Amino acid sequence: MSEHGTVTAPQFSDAAKRLADAINLHIYAQGDAAFFKIIAFRLDDGRSDDALYDTRDDAIRHTRSKPGVWAYAQVQPNGSNPQEAEAALKWARFTYDRGFRIDSHSDPEPIMPLRREAFNRLVRSR
């Protein structure tokens, strides 16, 4: 709350807004055909390559030769919002900075904690 008694809206990065928009655009354009497909996004700016992949392995194969560091997210039926996208970016950056890489579909994907407190504690502790 501000000094004037008004509630300030949470601020999210442009990268998070870009990622949420990319996910929601696929749902808007393709409807339920986009559900549970994979989107690739860059860690530095949240940009997608504008493709929707059937599998994580397809996404990995197609982004391997593209510049930048890529991460992958599954398109959920309820879409995304900047808050969720910010958490996904923060988690992907955190795991990348700790040396985790996804080079094939057989590589396990780190599981982001569900509780905000656990997530924030883990990310801040490093």
N, C-alpha and C. Protein backbone atom coordinates (compact mmCIF):
# COMPACT_ATOMS: atom_id res chain seq x y z
N MET A 1 0.85 -1.16 0.00
CA MET A 1 0.00 0.00 0.00
C MET A 1 0.90 1.24 0.00
N SER A 2 0.51 2.24 -0.76
CA SER A 2 1.32 3.45 -0.85
C SER A 2 1.07 4.35 0.36
N GLU A 3 1.83 5.41 0.46
CA GLU A 3 1.67 6.34 1.59
C GLU A 3 0.33 7.06 1.54
N HIS A 4 -0.32 7.06 0.37
CA HIS A 4 -1.62 7.73 0.23
C HIS A 4 -2.79 6.78 0.45
N GLY A 5 -2.48 5.53 0.85
CA GLY A 5 -3.53 4.58 1.14
C GLY A 5 -4.07 3.83 -0.07
N THR A 6 -3.43 3.98 -1.20
CA THR A 6 -3.88 3.24 -2.38
C THR A 6 -3.04 1.98 -2.55
N VAL A 7 -3.65 0.99 -3.12
CA VAL A 7 -2.95 -0.26 -3.38
C VAL A 7 -2.26 -0.15 -4.73
N THR A 8 -0.96 -0.46 -4.74
CA THR A 8 -0.24 -0.40 -6.00
C THR A 8 -0.28 -1.77 -6.68
N ALA A 9 -0.44 -1.74 -7.98
CA ALA A 9 -0.49 -2.99 -8.74
C ALA A 9 0.90 -3.60 -8.80
N PRO A 10 0.97 -4.92 -8.76
CA PRO A 10 2.29 -5.56 -8.86
C PRO A 10 2.91 -5.26 -10.22
N GLN A 11 4.20 -5.13 -10.22
CA GLN A 11 4.93 -4.83 -11.45
C GLN A 11 5.61 -6.11 -11.93
N PHE A 12 5.45 -6.41 -13.20
CA PHE A 12 6.08 -7.57 -13.79
C PHE A 12 6.99 -7.12 -14.92
N SER A 13 8.01 -7.91 -15.17
CA SER A 13 8.98 -7.55 -16.20
C SER A 13 8.36 -7.64 -17.60
N ASP A 14 8.97 -6.94 -18.53
CA ASP A 14 8.53 -7.03 -19.92
C ASP A 14 8.70 -8.46 -20.44
N ALA A 15 9.74 -9.14 -19.98
CA ALA A 15 9.96 -10.53 -20.40
C ALA A 15 8.78 -11.40 -19.98
N ALA A 16 8.28 -11.21 -18.77
CA ALA A 16 7.14 -12.00 -18.29
C ALA A 16 5.88 -11.67 -19.09
N LYS A 17 5.68 -10.42 -19.39
CA LYS A 17 4.51 -10.03 -20.18
C LYS A 17 4.60 -10.63 -21.58
N ARG A 18 5.80 -10.62 -22.17
CA ARG A 18 6.00 -11.22 -23.49
C ARG A 18 5.68 -12.71 -23.49
N LEU A 19 6.19 -13.42 -22.48
CA LEU A 19 5.96 -14.86 -22.40
C LEU A 19 4.48 -15.17 -22.21
N ALA A 20 3.82 -14.48 -21.31
CA ALA A 20 2.38 -14.70 -21.10
C ALA A 20 1.60 -14.41 -22.38
N ASP A 21 1.96 -13.33 -23.07
CA ASP A 21 1.28 -13.00 -24.33
C ASP A 21 1.48 -14.08 -25.38
N ALA A 22 2.69 -14.62 -25.47
CA ALA A 22 2.98 -15.67 -26.46
C ALA A 22 2.14 -16.91 -26.19
N ILE A 23 2.05 -17.30 -24.94
CA ILE A 23 1.25 -18.48 -24.59
C ILE A 23 -0.23 -18.23 -24.90
N ASN A 24 -0.73 -17.09 -24.49
CA ASN A 24 -2.15 -16.78 -24.70
C ASN A 24 -2.49 -16.61 -26.18
N LEU A 25 -1.54 -16.12 -26.97
CA LEU A 25 -1.77 -15.96 -28.40
C LEU A 25 -1.98 -17.32 -29.06
N HIS A 26 -1.22 -18.31 -28.66
CA HIS A 26 -1.40 -19.66 -29.23
C HIS A 26 -2.78 -20.20 -28.89
N ILE A 27 -3.25 -19.96 -27.68
CA ILE A 27 -4.59 -20.43 -27.30
C ILE A 27 -5.65 -19.68 -28.09
N TYR A 28 -5.46 -18.38 -28.23
CA TYR A 28 -6.43 -17.57 -28.98
C TYR A 28 -6.48 -18.01 -30.44
N ALA A 29 -5.31 -18.27 -31.02
CA ALA A 29 -5.25 -18.61 -32.44
C ALA A 29 -5.67 -20.05 -32.73
N GLN A 30 -5.34 -20.98 -31.82
CA GLN A 30 -5.56 -22.40 -32.12
C GLN A 30 -6.57 -23.08 -31.20
N GLY A 31 -7.05 -22.35 -30.21
CA GLY A 31 -8.04 -22.93 -29.31
C GLY A 31 -7.48 -24.12 -28.54
N ASP A 32 -8.34 -25.11 -28.35
CA ASP A 32 -7.91 -26.25 -27.53
C ASP A 32 -6.85 -27.12 -28.21
N ALA A 33 -6.57 -26.89 -29.47
CA ALA A 33 -5.47 -27.62 -30.14
C ALA A 33 -4.12 -27.21 -29.56
N ALA A 34 -4.06 -26.06 -28.91
CA ALA A 34 -2.81 -25.59 -28.31
C ALA A 34 -2.58 -26.17 -26.92
N PHE A 35 -3.62 -26.68 -26.30
CA PHE A 35 -3.51 -27.18 -24.93
C PHE A 35 -2.46 -28.29 -24.83
N PHE A 36 -1.62 -28.16 -23.83
CA PHE A 36 -0.59 -29.14 -23.48
C PHE A 36 0.52 -29.29 -24.51
N LYS A 37 0.56 -28.39 -25.48
CA LYS A 37 1.69 -28.34 -26.41
C LYS A 37 2.81 -27.57 -25.72
N ILE A 38 3.94 -27.47 -26.38
CA ILE A 38 5.13 -26.86 -25.78
C ILE A 38 5.49 -25.57 -26.51
N ILE A 39 5.85 -24.58 -25.73
CA ILE A 39 6.35 -23.32 -26.27
C ILE A 39 7.79 -23.15 -25.78
N ALA A 40 8.64 -22.66 -26.67
CA ALA A 40 10.03 -22.38 -26.32
C ALA A 40 10.15 -20.88 -26.07
N PHE A 41 10.93 -20.52 -25.05
CA PHE A 41 11.13 -19.09 -24.77
C PHE A 41 12.57 -18.83 -24.35
N ARG A 42 13.03 -17.63 -24.68
CA ARG A 42 14.40 -17.25 -24.34
C ARG A 42 14.47 -16.75 -22.90
N LEU A 43 15.53 -17.14 -22.22
CA LEU A 43 15.68 -16.73 -20.83
C LEU A 43 15.97 -15.24 -20.68
N ASP A 44 16.65 -14.65 -21.64
CA ASP A 44 17.05 -13.25 -21.48
C ASP A 44 15.90 -12.27 -21.61
N ASP A 45 14.95 -12.54 -22.52
CA ASP A 45 13.90 -11.56 -22.75
C ASP A 45 12.48 -12.13 -22.82
N GLY A 46 12.32 -13.43 -22.59
CA GLY A 46 11.00 -14.03 -22.59
C GLY A 46 10.36 -14.20 -23.96
N ARG A 47 11.11 -13.93 -25.01
CA ARG A 47 10.56 -14.04 -26.36
C ARG A 47 10.43 -15.51 -26.76
N SER A 48 9.35 -15.78 -27.48
CA SER A 48 9.12 -17.10 -28.03
C SER A 48 9.64 -17.11 -29.46
N ASP A 49 9.83 -18.29 -30.02
CA ASP A 49 10.18 -18.37 -31.43
C ASP A 49 8.92 -18.44 -32.29
N ASP A 50 7.77 -18.20 -31.68
CA ASP A 50 6.46 -18.16 -32.33
C ASP A 50 5.97 -19.51 -32.82
N ALA A 51 6.64 -20.57 -32.44
CA ALA A 51 6.22 -21.91 -32.84
C ALA A 51 5.58 -22.62 -31.65
N LEU A 52 4.71 -23.54 -31.96
CA LEU A 52 4.10 -24.39 -30.95
C LEU A 52 4.49 -25.81 -31.29
N TYR A 53 5.06 -26.51 -30.34
CA TYR A 53 5.62 -27.84 -30.60
C TYR A 53 4.75 -28.92 -29.96
N ASP A 54 4.71 -30.06 -30.62
CA ASP A 54 3.95 -31.19 -30.08
C ASP A 54 4.61 -31.77 -28.85
N THR A 55 5.94 -31.80 -28.84
CA THR A 55 6.67 -32.39 -27.73
C THR A 55 7.83 -31.49 -27.31
N ARG A 56 8.30 -31.70 -26.11
CA ARG A 56 9.47 -30.95 -25.62
C ARG A 56 10.69 -31.28 -26.47
N ASP A 57 10.81 -32.53 -26.92
CA ASP A 57 11.94 -32.92 -27.76
C ASP A 57 11.92 -32.16 -29.08
N ASP A 58 10.75 -31.97 -29.67
CA ASP A 58 10.65 -31.17 -30.90
C ASP A 58 11.12 -29.75 -30.65
N ALA A 59 10.70 -29.19 -29.54
CA ALA A 59 11.10 -27.81 -29.21
C ALA A 59 12.61 -27.72 -29.00
N ILE A 60 13.17 -28.69 -28.30
CA ILE A 60 14.62 -28.70 -28.06
C ILE A 60 15.37 -28.80 -29.38
N ARG A 61 14.93 -29.71 -30.24
CA ARG A 61 15.59 -29.92 -31.53
C ARG A 61 15.55 -28.65 -32.39
N HIS A 62 14.42 -27.95 -32.39
CA HIS A 62 14.29 -26.77 -33.24
C HIS A 62 14.97 -25.52 -32.69
N THR A 63 15.16 -25.46 -31.39
CA THR A 63 15.80 -24.26 -30.82
C THR A 63 17.29 -24.43 -30.58
N ARG A 64 17.78 -25.64 -30.71
CA ARG A 64 19.19 -25.93 -30.43
C ARG A 64 20.13 -25.04 -31.24
N SER A 65 19.80 -24.78 -32.50
CA SER A 65 20.68 -24.00 -33.37
C SER A 65 20.37 -22.50 -33.35
N LYS A 66 19.36 -22.11 -32.62
CA LYS A 66 18.99 -20.69 -32.57
C LYS A 66 19.80 -19.99 -31.49
N PRO A 67 20.11 -18.70 -31.71
CA PRO A 67 20.88 -17.98 -30.69
C PRO A 67 20.09 -17.81 -29.40
N GLY A 68 20.80 -17.74 -28.30
CA GLY A 68 20.18 -17.52 -27.01
C GLY A 68 20.05 -18.80 -26.22
N VAL A 69 19.63 -18.64 -24.98
CA VAL A 69 19.39 -19.77 -24.08
C VAL A 69 17.88 -19.96 -24.00
N TRP A 70 17.44 -21.18 -24.26
CA TRP A 70 16.01 -21.46 -24.36
C TRP A 70 15.52 -22.32 -23.21
N ALA A 71 14.29 -22.10 -22.84
CA ALA A 71 13.59 -22.93 -21.87
C ALA A 71 12.24 -23.28 -22.49
N TYR A 72 11.52 -24.16 -21.82
CA TYR A 72 10.30 -24.70 -22.43
C TYR A 72 9.18 -24.74 -21.40
N ALA A 73 7.97 -24.46 -21.88
CA ALA A 73 6.80 -24.47 -20.99
C ALA A 73 5.64 -25.14 -21.72
N GLN A 74 4.83 -25.82 -20.95
CA GLN A 74 3.63 -26.45 -21.51
C GLN A 74 2.48 -25.46 -21.46
N VAL A 75 1.74 -25.38 -22.56
CA VAL A 75 0.59 -24.48 -22.64
C VAL A 75 -0.56 -25.12 -21.86
N GLN A 76 -1.02 -24.43 -20.85
CA GLN A 76 -2.12 -24.92 -20.02
C GLN A 76 -3.46 -24.37 -20.53
N PRO A 77 -4.55 -25.09 -20.33
CA PRO A 77 -5.85 -24.65 -20.83
C PRO A 77 -6.29 -23.27 -20.32
N ASN A 78 -5.84 -22.90 -19.13
CA ASN A 78 -6.23 -21.59 -18.59
C ASN A 78 -5.30 -20.47 -19.04
N GLY A 79 -4.36 -20.77 -19.91
CA GLY A 79 -3.46 -19.73 -20.41
C GLY A 79 -2.41 -19.36 -19.39
N SER A 80 -1.96 -18.13 -19.48
CA SER A 80 -0.93 -17.64 -18.58
C SER A 80 -1.20 -16.19 -18.25
N ASN A 81 -0.54 -15.71 -17.23
CA ASN A 81 -0.59 -14.30 -16.88
C ASN A 81 0.83 -13.88 -16.52
N PRO A 82 1.09 -12.58 -16.43
CA PRO A 82 2.46 -12.13 -16.14
C PRO A 82 3.03 -12.68 -14.84
N GLN A 83 2.21 -12.89 -13.83
CA GLN A 83 2.70 -13.42 -12.56
C GLN A 83 3.24 -14.84 -12.74
N GLU A 84 2.47 -15.69 -13.42
CA GLU A 84 2.92 -17.06 -13.68
C GLU A 84 4.16 -17.08 -14.58
N ALA A 85 4.15 -16.23 -15.60
CA ALA A 85 5.29 -16.17 -16.52
C ALA A 85 6.54 -15.67 -15.81
N GLU A 86 6.38 -14.72 -14.90
CA GLU A 86 7.52 -14.22 -14.13
C GLU A 86 8.12 -15.35 -13.29
N ALA A 87 7.28 -16.15 -12.68
CA ALA A 87 7.77 -17.28 -11.88
C ALA A 87 8.47 -18.30 -12.78
N ALA A 88 7.91 -18.58 -13.96
CA ALA A 88 8.53 -19.54 -14.88
C ALA A 88 9.90 -19.04 -15.33
N LEU A 89 9.99 -17.76 -15.65
CA LEU A 89 11.27 -17.19 -16.06
C LEU A 89 12.29 -17.23 -14.92
N LYS A 90 11.84 -16.86 -13.74
CA LYS A 90 12.74 -16.85 -12.58
C LYS A 90 13.25 -18.26 -12.30
N TRP A 91 12.37 -19.25 -12.38
CA TRP A 91 12.76 -20.63 -12.12
C TRP A 91 13.72 -21.13 -13.20
N ALA A 92 13.41 -20.85 -14.47
CA ALA A 92 14.28 -21.30 -15.56
C ALA A 92 15.66 -20.65 -15.46
N ARG A 93 15.69 -19.38 -15.13
CA ARG A 93 16.99 -18.69 -14.96
C ARG A 93 17.76 -19.24 -13.76
N PHE A 94 17.05 -19.49 -12.68
CA PHE A 94 17.67 -20.04 -11.48
C PHE A 94 18.32 -21.39 -11.76
N THR A 95 17.57 -22.28 -12.41
CA THR A 95 18.12 -23.61 -12.70
C THR A 95 19.26 -23.54 -13.70
N TYR A 96 19.14 -22.66 -14.69
CA TYR A 96 20.22 -22.50 -15.67
C TYR A 96 21.49 -21.98 -14.99
N ASP A 97 21.33 -20.99 -14.14
CA ASP A 97 22.49 -20.42 -13.44
C ASP A 97 23.16 -21.45 -12.53
N ARG A 98 22.42 -22.49 -12.11
CA ARG A 98 22.98 -23.54 -11.26
C ARG A 98 23.53 -24.70 -12.08
N GLY A 99 23.60 -24.53 -13.42
CA GLY A 99 24.22 -25.52 -14.28
C GLY A 99 23.28 -26.53 -14.90
N PHE A 100 21.99 -26.41 -14.67
CA PHE A 100 21.04 -27.36 -15.23
C PHE A 100 20.80 -27.04 -16.70
N ARG A 101 20.87 -28.07 -17.55
CA ARG A 101 20.62 -27.91 -18.99
C ARG A 101 19.66 -28.99 -19.45
N ILE A 102 18.80 -28.63 -20.40
CA ILE A 102 17.90 -29.60 -21.03
C ILE A 102 18.36 -29.73 -22.47
N ASP A 103 18.97 -30.87 -22.78
CA ASP A 103 19.49 -31.10 -24.12
C ASP A 103 18.73 -32.17 -24.88
N SER A 104 17.89 -32.92 -24.21
CA SER A 104 17.06 -33.92 -24.89
C SER A 104 15.82 -34.19 -24.06
N HIS A 105 14.87 -34.86 -24.68
CA HIS A 105 13.61 -35.14 -23.98
C HIS A 105 13.82 -36.06 -22.78
N SER A 106 14.91 -36.80 -22.79
CA SER A 106 15.15 -37.72 -21.67
C SER A 106 15.73 -37.02 -20.44
N ASP A 107 16.19 -35.78 -20.61
CA ASP A 107 16.69 -35.03 -19.47
C ASP A 107 15.51 -34.64 -18.57
N PRO A 108 15.63 -34.88 -17.29
CA PRO A 108 14.52 -34.51 -16.39
C PRO A 108 14.40 -32.98 -16.31
N GLU A 109 13.20 -32.55 -16.12
CA GLU A 109 12.97 -31.11 -15.95
C GLU A 109 12.82 -30.83 -14.47
N PRO A 110 13.55 -29.83 -13.96
CA PRO A 110 13.41 -29.54 -12.53
C PRO A 110 11.99 -29.09 -12.21
N ILE A 111 11.49 -29.52 -11.09
CA ILE A 111 10.11 -29.21 -10.71
C ILE A 111 10.11 -27.99 -9.79
N MET A 112 9.39 -26.97 -10.23
CA MET A 112 9.31 -25.73 -9.46
C MET A 112 8.42 -25.96 -8.24
N PRO A 113 8.86 -25.50 -7.07
CA PRO A 113 8.01 -25.62 -5.88
C PRO A 113 6.66 -24.94 -6.09
N LEU A 114 5.62 -25.51 -5.54
CA LEU A 114 4.28 -24.96 -5.71
C LEU A 114 3.99 -23.80 -4.76
N ARG A 115 4.50 -23.89 -3.56
CA ARG A 115 4.24 -22.84 -2.58
C ARG A 115 5.18 -21.66 -2.81
N ARG A 116 4.62 -20.49 -2.83
CA ARG A 116 5.39 -19.28 -3.07
C ARG A 116 6.52 -19.12 -2.06
N GLU A 117 6.26 -19.45 -0.82
CA GLU A 117 7.27 -19.30 0.23
C GLU A 117 8.48 -20.21 -0.05
N ALA A 118 8.21 -21.44 -0.45
CA ALA A 118 9.30 -22.38 -0.75
C ALA A 118 10.08 -21.93 -1.97
N PHE A 119 9.37 -21.45 -2.97
CA PHE A 119 10.01 -20.96 -4.20
C PHE A 119 10.92 -19.78 -3.88
N ASN A 120 10.39 -18.79 -3.18
CA ASN A 120 11.17 -17.59 -2.85
C ASN A 120 12.34 -17.91 -1.94
N ARG A 121 12.15 -18.79 -0.99
CA ARG A 121 13.23 -19.18 -0.09
C ARG A 121 14.36 -19.85 -0.87
N LEU A 122 14.00 -20.73 -1.79
CA LEU A 122 15.01 -21.44 -2.59
C LEU A 122 15.77 -20.48 -3.50
N VAL A 123 15.05 -19.64 -4.21
CA VAL A 123 15.68 -18.72 -5.15
C VAL A 123 16.55 -17.70 -4.42
N ARG A 124 16.11 -17.21 -3.28
CA ARG A 124 16.90 -16.22 -2.53
C ARG A 124 18.11 -16.83 -1.82
N SER A 125 18.04 -18.13 -1.55
CA SER A 125 19.10 -18.77 -0.77
C SER A 125 20.37 -18.96 -1.58
N ARG A 126 20.32 -18.83 -2.85
CA ARG A 126 21.49 -19.09 -3.69
C ARG A 126 22.20 -17.84 -4.09
